[in-house]
Every structure is written in structure tokens, then in C-alpha cells.
Protein backbone atom coordinates (compact mmCIF):
# COMPACT_ATOMS: atom_id res chain seq x y z
CA UNK A 1 3.26 17.96 -16.56
CA UNK A 2 -0.29 18.10 -16.19
CA UNK A 3 -2.29 15.25 -15.39
CA UNK A 4 -5.45 14.88 -17.25
CA UNK A 5 -8.87 12.96 -17.16
CA UNK A 6 -7.59 10.75 -20.54
CA UNK A 7 -4.45 10.33 -18.50
CA UNK A 8 -6.58 7.93 -16.17
CA UNK A 9 -7.86 4.36 -16.76
CA UNK A 10 -9.29 1.86 -14.51
CA UNK A 11 -8.19 -2.12 -15.05
CA UNK A 12 -9.44 -5.46 -13.63
CA UNK A 13 -6.98 -7.87 -11.61
CA UNK A 14 -5.50 -10.04 -13.54
CA UNK A 15 -7.48 -12.80 -11.47
CA UNK A 16 -11.80 -12.33 -11.61
CA UNK A 17 -13.99 -15.04 -9.91
CA UNK A 18 -15.90 -15.49 -6.61
CA UNK A 19 -12.99 -17.66 -4.48
CA UNK A 20 -9.96 -16.62 -2.80
CA UNK A 21 -7.80 -16.01 -5.44
CA UNK A 22 -9.58 -13.51 -6.93
CA UNK A 23 -8.12 -10.04 -7.39
CA UNK A 24 -3.83 -10.04 -7.46
CA UNK A 25 -1.99 -7.69 -9.69
CA UNK A 26 -2.89 -5.47 -12.38
CA UNK A 27 -4.41 -6.88 -15.67
CA UNK A 28 -2.95 -5.56 -18.80
CA UNK A 29 -4.79 -2.80 -21.63
CA UNK A 30 -6.89 -5.54 -22.63
CA UNK A 31 -8.47 -5.62 -19.28
CA UNK A 32 -9.55 -1.77 -19.02
CA UNK A 33 -12.87 -0.94 -18.07
CA UNK A 34 -15.26 0.79 -20.27
CA UNK A 35 -16.98 3.45 -18.56
CA UNK A 36 -20.79 3.71 -18.23
CA UNK A 37 -20.86 0.01 -20.10
CA UNK A 38 -23.57 -2.89 -18.68
CA UNK A 39 -21.39 -5.52 -16.64
CA UNK A 40 -18.35 -3.79 -16.76
CA UNK A 41 -17.52 -4.79 -13.17
CA UNK A 42 -20.32 -6.66 -12.20
CA UNK A 43 -22.19 -9.40 -13.05
CA UNK A 44 -26.36 -9.45 -12.97
CA UNK A 45 -28.03 -10.39 -9.79
CA UNK A 46 -30.42 -13.47 -11.20
CA UNK A 47 -33.81 -13.87 -9.02
CA UNK A 48 -32.12 -17.05 -6.91
CA UNK A 49 -29.30 -14.41 -5.92
CA UNK A 50 -31.82 -12.06 -4.77
CA UNK A 51 -34.01 -14.32 -3.20
CA UNK A 52 -30.73 -15.53 -0.86
CA UNK A 53 -28.58 -12.86 -0.91
CA UNK A 54 -25.20 -13.07 -1.63
CA UNK A 55 -21.57 -10.73 -1.06
CA UNK A 56 -18.87 -10.57 -3.95
CA UNK A 57 -15.71 -8.77 -4.05
CA UNK A 58 -13.84 -7.16 -7.26
CA UNK A 59 -10.06 -5.81 -7.16
CA UNK A 60 -10.11 -2.58 -9.77
CA UNK A 61 -6.88 -0.62 -10.50
CA UNK A 62 -6.96 2.95 -10.87
CA UNK A 63 -3.83 3.94 -13.18
CA UNK A 64 -2.23 7.34 -13.92
CA UNK A 65 -0.62 7.35 -16.70
CA UNK A 66 0.85 10.66 -18.67
CA UNK A 67 3.14 10.07 -21.10
CA UNK A 68 5.46 12.03 -19.22
CA UNK A 69 5.92 10.56 -15.57
CA UNK A 70 4.10 12.61 -13.08
CA UNK A 71 3.71 12.53 -9.74
CA UNK A 72 0.21 12.44 -8.58
CA UNK A 73 -0.17 13.85 -5.23
CA UNK A 74 -3.06 13.96 -2.55
CA UNK A 75 -4.33 10.69 -4.39
CA UNK A 76 -8.32 10.65 -3.04
CA UNK A 77 -10.71 7.91 -3.85
CA UNK A 78 -14.09 7.69 -3.02
CA UNK A 79 -17.45 6.17 -4.01
CA UNK A 80 -19.74 9.07 -6.09
CA UNK A 81 -22.79 7.87 -6.51
CA UNK A 82 -24.47 4.60 -4.30
CA UNK A 83 -26.44 2.40 -6.00
CA UNK A 84 -30.23 2.92 -6.54
CA UNK A 85 -30.79 -0.76 -5.51
CA UNK A 86 -31.33 -2.90 -2.16
CA UNK A 87 -27.97 -3.78 -2.89
CA UNK A 88 -25.18 -2.10 -1.28
CA UNK A 89 -21.68 -1.30 -2.43
CA UNK A 90 -18.42 -0.35 0.26
CA UNK A 91 -14.70 0.46 -0.69
CA UNK A 92 -12.27 -1.18 1.26
CA UNK A 93 -8.12 -0.97 0.27
CA UNK A 94 -4.63 -2.92 1.53
CA UNK A 95 -3.95 0.59 3.45
CA UNK A 96 -1.05 1.17 1.50
CA UNK A 97 -0.21 1.48 -2.30
CA UNK A 98 2.46 -1.27 -2.42
CA UNK A 99 0.59 -3.57 -1.25
CA UNK A 100 -2.50 -2.89 -2.94
CA UNK A 101 -0.85 -4.27 -5.80
CA UNK A 102 -0.86 -7.98 -4.78
CA UNK A 103 -3.52 -8.44 -2.86
CA UNK A 104 -5.87 -10.87 -2.85
CA UNK A 105 -9.75 -11.67 -1.66
CA UNK A 106 -8.04 -14.23 0.54
CA UNK A 107 -6.94 -10.80 2.45
CA UNK A 108 -9.84 -8.67 1.34
CA UNK A 109 -12.12 -11.26 3.24
CA UNK A 110 -10.33 -9.45 6.38
CA UNK A 111 -10.53 -5.51 5.99
CA UNK A 112 -12.67 -4.07 8.39
CA UNK A 113 -12.47 -0.45 7.85
CA UNK A 114 -14.85 0.49 4.80
CA UNK A 115 -15.22 3.73 2.75
CA UNK A 116 -18.52 4.75 1.09
CA UNK A 117 -21.31 7.04 0.83
CA UNK A 118 -24.99 8.65 1.94
CA UNK A 119 -27.31 11.52 1.19
CA UNK A 120 -27.36 14.34 3.06
CA UNK A 121 -30.24 13.88 6.00
CA UNK A 122 -30.78 17.83 6.63
CA UNK A 123 -30.00 21.12 4.93
CA UNK A 124 -26.64 22.77 6.62
CA UNK A 125 -26.04 26.34 5.88
CA UNK A 126 -22.18 27.34 5.05
CA UNK A 127 -20.73 27.76 8.60
CA UNK A 128 -21.81 24.92 10.30
CA UNK A 129 -19.18 22.17 12.12
CA UNK A 130 -21.54 19.54 11.75
CA UNK A 131 -23.58 17.48 9.28
CA UNK A 132 -25.90 14.86 8.86
CA UNK A 133 -26.24 12.22 6.38
CA UNK A 134 -28.15 8.61 5.96
CA UNK A 135 -26.81 5.68 4.50
CA UNK A 136 -27.91 2.71 3.02
CA UNK A 137 -28.96 0.04 5.11
CA UNK A 138 -25.73 -2.10 6.29
CA UNK A 139 -23.34 0.92 5.59
CA UNK A 140 -24.57 1.86 9.35
CA UNK A 141 -22.26 1.39 13.02
CA UNK A 142 -24.28 -2.18 12.79
CA UNK A 143 -22.81 -3.28 9.50
CA UNK A 144 -20.25 -1.96 7.11
CA UNK A 145 -20.10 1.21 8.64
CA UNK A 146 -18.60 3.60 6.55
CA UNK A 147 -17.76 6.58 8.47
CA UNK A 148 -14.62 6.66 10.68
CA UNK A 149 -13.48 9.44 13.55
CA UNK A 150 -10.51 10.80 11.87
CA UNK A 151 -11.86 10.62 7.80
CA UNK A 152 -11.22 12.64 5.15
CA UNK A 153 -15.34 13.16 3.64
CA UNK A 154 -16.59 14.40 0.60
CA UNK A 155 -19.61 16.71 0.39
CA UNK A 156 -20.73 17.65 -3.38
CA UNK A 157 -23.95 19.10 -5.19
CA UNK A 158 -22.33 18.58 -8.34
CA UNK A 159 -23.91 16.22 -10.96
CA UNK A 160 -20.85 14.25 -11.12
CA UNK A 161 -17.63 14.71 -10.24
CA UNK A 162 -16.19 15.93 -12.97
CA UNK A 163 -19.56 18.64 -14.00
CA UNK A 164 -18.32 22.72 -14.02
CA UNK A 165 -21.42 23.90 -12.35
CA UNK A 166 -22.18 23.18 -8.48
CA UNK A 167 -19.82 22.89 -5.27
CA UNK A 168 -17.73 20.39 -3.45
CA UNK A 169 -15.79 20.49 -0.46
CA UNK A 170 -13.11 18.35 1.96
CA UNK A 171 -13.41 18.21 5.13
CA UNK A 172 -11.83 16.21 8.03
CA UNK A 173 -13.57 14.82 10.86
CA UNK A 174 -13.07 15.28 14.51
CA UNK A 175 -9.98 12.22 15.41
CA UNK A 176 -12.26 11.26 18.40
CA UNK A 177 -15.80 12.52 18.30
CA UNK A 178 -16.12 12.62 14.46
CA UNK A 179 -19.15 9.89 14.42
CA UNK A 180 -22.17 8.97 16.13
CA UNK A 181 -25.04 7.33 14.68
CA UNK A 182 -28.80 6.60 15.34
CA UNK A 183 -29.68 3.80 12.98
CA UNK A 184 -28.81 4.75 9.32
CA UNK A 185 -28.04 8.32 10.14
CA UNK A 186 -24.96 9.57 11.34
CA UNK A 187 -23.56 12.98 12.45
CA UNK A 188 -20.35 13.66 11.23
CA UNK A 189 -19.01 16.67 13.30
CA UNK A 190 -15.77 18.35 11.57
CA UNK A 191 -11.98 18.55 13.29
CA UNK A 192 -11.40 21.71 15.28
CA UNK A 193 -11.60 24.48 13.22
CA UNK A 194 -13.12 23.14 10.14
CA UNK A 195 -16.88 24.39 9.14
CA UNK A 196 -18.70 24.53 5.58
CA UNK A 197 -17.45 27.08 3.04
CA UNK A 198 -20.72 26.23 1.62
CA UNK A 199 -24.58 25.65 1.75
CA UNK A 200 -25.76 22.38 0.75
CA UNK A 201 -29.34 21.28 1.03
CA UNK A 202 -31.36 17.71 0.17
CA UNK A 203 -33.47 19.20 -2.38
CA UNK A 204 -29.98 19.61 -5.20
CA UNK A 205 -29.10 15.80 -4.41
CA UNK A 206 -26.10 16.72 -2.36
CA UNK A 207 -23.99 13.69 -1.74
CA UNK A 208 -21.70 12.54 1.42
CA UNK A 209 -18.61 10.52 0.96
CA UNK A 210 -15.98 9.17 2.89
CA UNK A 211 -12.18 9.30 1.20
CA UNK A 212 -9.84 6.74 0.86
CA UNK A 213 -6.42 8.56 0.84
CA UNK A 214 -4.05 6.93 -1.27
CA UNK A 215 -1.21 9.97 -1.39
CA UNK A 216 1.56 10.39 -3.60
CA UNK A 217 1.30 7.87 -6.58
CA UNK A 218 3.82 7.34 -9.29
CA UNK A 219 6.20 4.62 -10.35
CA UNK A 220 8.57 3.58 -7.68
CA UNK A 221 11.82 1.52 -7.59
CA UNK A 222 12.22 -0.94 -4.25
CA UNK A 223 14.54 -3.43 -2.86
CA UNK A 224 17.77 -2.82 -4.90
CA UNK A 225 20.37 -5.30 -3.83
CA UNK A 226 23.55 -6.15 -5.40
CA UNK A 227 25.15 -9.76 -5.59
CA UNK A 228 29.33 -9.64 -6.97
CA UNK A 229 32.24 -7.77 -7.29
CA UNK A 230 31.06 -4.75 -8.89
CA UNK A 231 28.99 -1.44 -7.42
CA UNK A 232 26.50 0.37 -8.74
CA UNK A 233 25.75 4.07 -7.57
CA UNK A 234 22.10 3.81 -7.42
CA UNK A 235 21.69 7.07 -4.86
CA UNK A 236 23.00 9.11 -7.53
CA UNK A 237 22.22 7.23 -10.65
CA UNK A 238 18.66 5.63 -9.44
CA UNK A 239 16.54 3.09 -11.69
CA UNK A 240 13.81 5.03 -12.92
CA UNK A 241 10.26 3.66 -14.16
CA UNK A 242 7.50 4.80 -16.52
CA UNK A 243 3.97 6.34 -15.59
CA UNK A 244 2.56 3.87 -18.62
CA UNK A 245 4.88 1.32 -18.95
CA UNK A 246 6.45 0.06 -15.25
CA UNK A 247 4.42 -3.03 -13.53
CA UNK A 248 4.47 -4.77 -10.41
CA UNK A 249 7.29 -7.01 -10.69
CA UNK A 250 10.91 -8.41 -9.29
CA UNK A 251 14.02 -8.37 -11.63
CA UNK A 252 16.94 -10.30 -11.31
CA UNK A 253 19.86 -8.77 -13.78
CA UNK A 254 22.46 -10.98 -14.24
CA UNK A 255 25.98 -11.14 -15.44
CA UNK A 256 27.36 -12.78 -18.59
CA UNK A 257 30.28 -11.29 -19.01
CA UNK A 258 32.30 -8.49 -17.15
CA UNK A 259 30.19 -5.92 -18.58
CA UNK A 260 27.33 -7.76 -20.87
CA UNK A 261 23.89 -8.66 -18.74
CA UNK A 262 20.27 -10.18 -18.95
CA UNK A 263 16.89 -9.13 -17.25
CA UNK A 264 14.31 -11.31 -15.73
CA UNK A 265 10.92 -10.71 -14.41
CA UNK A 266 9.60 -12.85 -12.09
CA UNK A 267 6.25 -12.69 -13.57
CA UNK A 268 7.44 -10.73 -17.21
CA UNK A 269 9.84 -13.16 -18.01
CA UNK A 270 12.66 -12.17 -20.10
CA UNK A 271 13.06 -8.35 -21.25
CA UNK A 272 16.65 -8.63 -23.32
CA UNK A 273 20.00 -8.31 -22.70
CA UNK A 274 21.90 -4.48 -21.90
CA UNK A 275 25.66 -3.55 -21.48
CA UNK A 276 27.18 -1.66 -18.86
CA UNK A 277 28.36 0.73 -21.55
CA UNK A 278 25.04 2.02 -22.77
CA UNK A 279 21.52 2.99 -20.80
CA UNK A 280 18.89 0.15 -20.53
CA UNK A 281 15.60 0.28 -21.46
CA UNK A 282 13.93 -2.60 -22.07
CA UNK A 283 10.06 -1.36 -23.77
CA UNK A 284 6.48 -2.99 -22.03
CA UNK A 285 4.94 -3.56 -25.69
CA UNK A 286 1.66 -3.60 -23.68
CA UNK A 287 1.85 0.06 -23.41
CA UNK A 288 4.42 0.98 -25.64
CA UNK A 289 6.77 2.61 -22.58
CA UNK A 290 9.79 1.19 -20.93
CA UNK A 291 9.29 -1.13 -18.03
CA UNK A 292 12.35 0.86 -16.30
CA UNK A 293 15.49 2.39 -17.08
CA UNK A 294 19.09 1.63 -15.77
CA UNK A 295 21.59 4.75 -16.70
CA UNK A 296 25.10 3.60 -17.65
CA UNK A 297 26.63 6.12 -15.42
CA UNK A 298 25.61 4.23 -12.29
CA UNK A 299 28.01 1.20 -13.09
CA UNK A 300 31.18 1.38 -11.28
CA UNK A 301 34.20 -1.66 -10.12
CA UNK A 302 34.40 -4.51 -12.08
CA UNK A 303 31.65 -7.17 -12.52
CA UNK A 304 31.88 -11.13 -13.46
CA UNK A 305 30.26 -13.47 -14.60
CA UNK A 306 27.41 -15.03 -12.87
CA UNK A 307 27.12 -11.57 -10.50
CA UNK A 308 23.16 -10.24 -9.88
CA UNK A 309 21.43 -7.64 -9.13
CA UNK A 310 17.53 -7.37 -7.79
CA UNK A 311 15.31 -5.03 -7.49
CA UNK A 312 11.33 -4.09 -7.25
CA UNK A 313 8.94 -2.13 -9.33
CA UNK A 314 6.03 -0.78 -8.69
CA UNK A 315 3.82 1.10 -11.22
CA UNK A 316 2.03 4.37 -11.44
CA UNK A 317 -1.26 2.77 -10.12
CA UNK A 318 -3.50 1.48 -7.36
CA UNK A 319 -5.68 -1.42 -5.96
CA UNK A 320 -9.07 -0.77 -4.79
CA UNK A 321 -11.63 -3.71 -3.35
CA UNK A 322 -15.04 -2.89 -4.16
CA UNK A 323 -17.56 -5.31 -1.77
CA UNK A 324 -21.19 -5.80 -3.01
CA UNK A 325 -23.91 -6.86 -0.84
CA UNK A 326 -27.18 -8.26 -1.91
CA UNK A 327 -29.47 -8.81 1.04
CA UNK A 328 -31.70 -11.56 0.92
CA UNK A 329 -34.95 -10.48 -0.77
CA UNK A 330 -33.49 -7.55 -2.66
CA UNK A 331 -36.36 -6.15 -5.07
CA UNK A 332 -35.16 -6.14 -8.77
CA UNK A 333 -34.03 -2.95 -10.06
CA UNK A 334 -32.84 -1.74 -13.48
CA UNK A 335 -30.07 0.58 -14.50
CA UNK A 336 -28.28 -0.61 -10.67
CA UNK A 337 -25.19 1.31 -11.12
CA UNK A 338 -22.45 2.98 -8.58
CA UNK A 339 -19.79 6.07 -9.67
CA UNK A 340 -16.26 5.17 -8.28
CA UNK A 341 -14.48 8.31 -8.48
CA UNK A 342 -10.80 10.09 -7.92
CA UNK A 343 -8.91 13.15 -7.11
CA UNK A 344 -5.28 14.14 -7.20
CA UNK A 345 -2.86 16.90 -7.99
CA UNK A 346 -0.27 17.35 -10.61
CA UNK A 347 3.36 17.50 -8.78
């Protein structure tokens, strides 16, 4: 099934504050971020904060939830447009999809690899093997450097990611000599044999971003462990998740007889009872879709009261951190916005 724009939503984390507890798991449906809405992620920057300067973190989850569970491959995230104000926003993440489900600001504070975007500094011809990019102060080698050797980058002159006119392309930087800096200007050299397919100019508002490569995104099950006298053939009949309903949680199935059981999530709580004579597919009422499905065909052997099975589920989503730095003495700017974007393929 093809993934379309309406299958994608952005949610806030469960905890949103300016302490080390900020972040954690993905919020429920009520935490969806409304695109283009004032203060949908960040609070206003009052005068005292502009004078003194500040650093704030916010964690967002990109959720890919088509009605029919579908693998999103080659998933990529980038800062499509940077802020027009003196503040700067960079992206960071845990480095893999599962760890990004639960990390808090306590961990994000230690992240050292950042991603962001700048403006093409000089016109670039088709066939060029390098380009120059001007970044915001603080996003160069002396601050939160947003380009790195071996990065995947995106270059685009489109008015927005979804615009039908204009061109964009993704290119790989050289693994060892891909980035050099001169102040706030980065010279980006592509990997051997890689060149621009199109020409780009500064006058058309061409932007260049470093890209977070998330990879495949789908609901997944890990850590299946049986403790008892029965068996379950998870290799042939694996527990399955759903793009809409699966959440980040660890589950325990406890037998109450030789055939009946209850299931409880460490965070979700009880999701009801089932029996090995039928499929078990508890509904996530926040999403109107199953948390997971256990096939009746997997059960074997003889189970007894008190036997348990445990496993973890991971949603069709991933967490991204945004770090906003307001330098001391920043000027007041109205309509100070930034645009987070994502691209993926329907597998």
C-alpha cells in the first residue's frame, strides 16, 4: 500500500519541559502537532530571554500510520527551512529507531552530531562535484557543525518539499574529504563519481540540508521470551504489530489456566484476556487499531497457570530532537519559523 501525506503525523513527546526529564515516549493522539500553527512546538522568546540568550530542546515523533500496515523504507528527515531570526535550530537523534523511542533530554544533552540546513553560497552547474553552502552563525565547525564527512545531503530549489515545480536531489559526501569550513561557509565535496544532476542558483532560494537517515520504519516486535512448560512458534507465526496501533511498551502474558491468559503492558496496563484457541488482538482505543496480534496457530505444548511470555513492541514512528539556541542579544523577529520535513518510500 502506498504511503500518502495524510498517513504522516507529528506528535510531541509525553513530557515537554526544559529539564532533563523532557522527552521520553511518544504522546497520544491529543499531542499531534498542527502544521503552521503558532507555538505548535516552541514558546515565544520574550525580551529577557533574547537579551540573556537561551538553549531549549524539544522532542518530536514522526509517525507513519497508513490504514494497512506498510513498511516505509529509506526514511529521511531534514530541516527543510531554517529560521529567519537570529536563533538557530539543529536536529539530533539517538542514532537508531528503537533508542529514539524513549530517550530524554538527559541523553540528548550528550549528543554531538547535529543536522540542519543552509543556503547555497554560489551558483552550481549540473555536473559539479562540489558546492558551497552558507550556514547560520553557530552551525559551522566552531559551533553545532551541521555537515559531516560521509553525510547524505539534500539540495533543493523547490518552494516547499511537496511543491510540484522545482528540482531536488540527494547526494553522498566524500567519506574523508567531504566537508571543509571557512567561517560560516562549508565547501561540500561529493563522493567519488557523484555529481549534480541539475543546476542551482542562489537567486532561486536554493537550500542545502544534512539528512538524518532513519532507514526502515514499521511496527516491530523484539525480545520474545517464554517462561513455562508450553511453546510458541514465533518463527513461523510471529507476533505482528499495526502501523496505527502499536506503541512503545513491554508486555507480559500470564496464563491463568492451561488455555486462558491475561496481557498487561508495563506502560499501557491491562489490555484484556485471551485464549490459545483464538487469535488475540487487543485494540488501542487511542488509534482504533490493534496493539499487536498473536496468532492461535503459534501455541503448542502444555501451558500451566503462572507461565509467562514477554516481549516488547515498537511503533511505526521515531523520535527526533530539535535544539533551539537563542544567542545573547538576539533581535526581535516576527513569524520566526522553521520547517521539519521527511521523505520515504513505500515498500
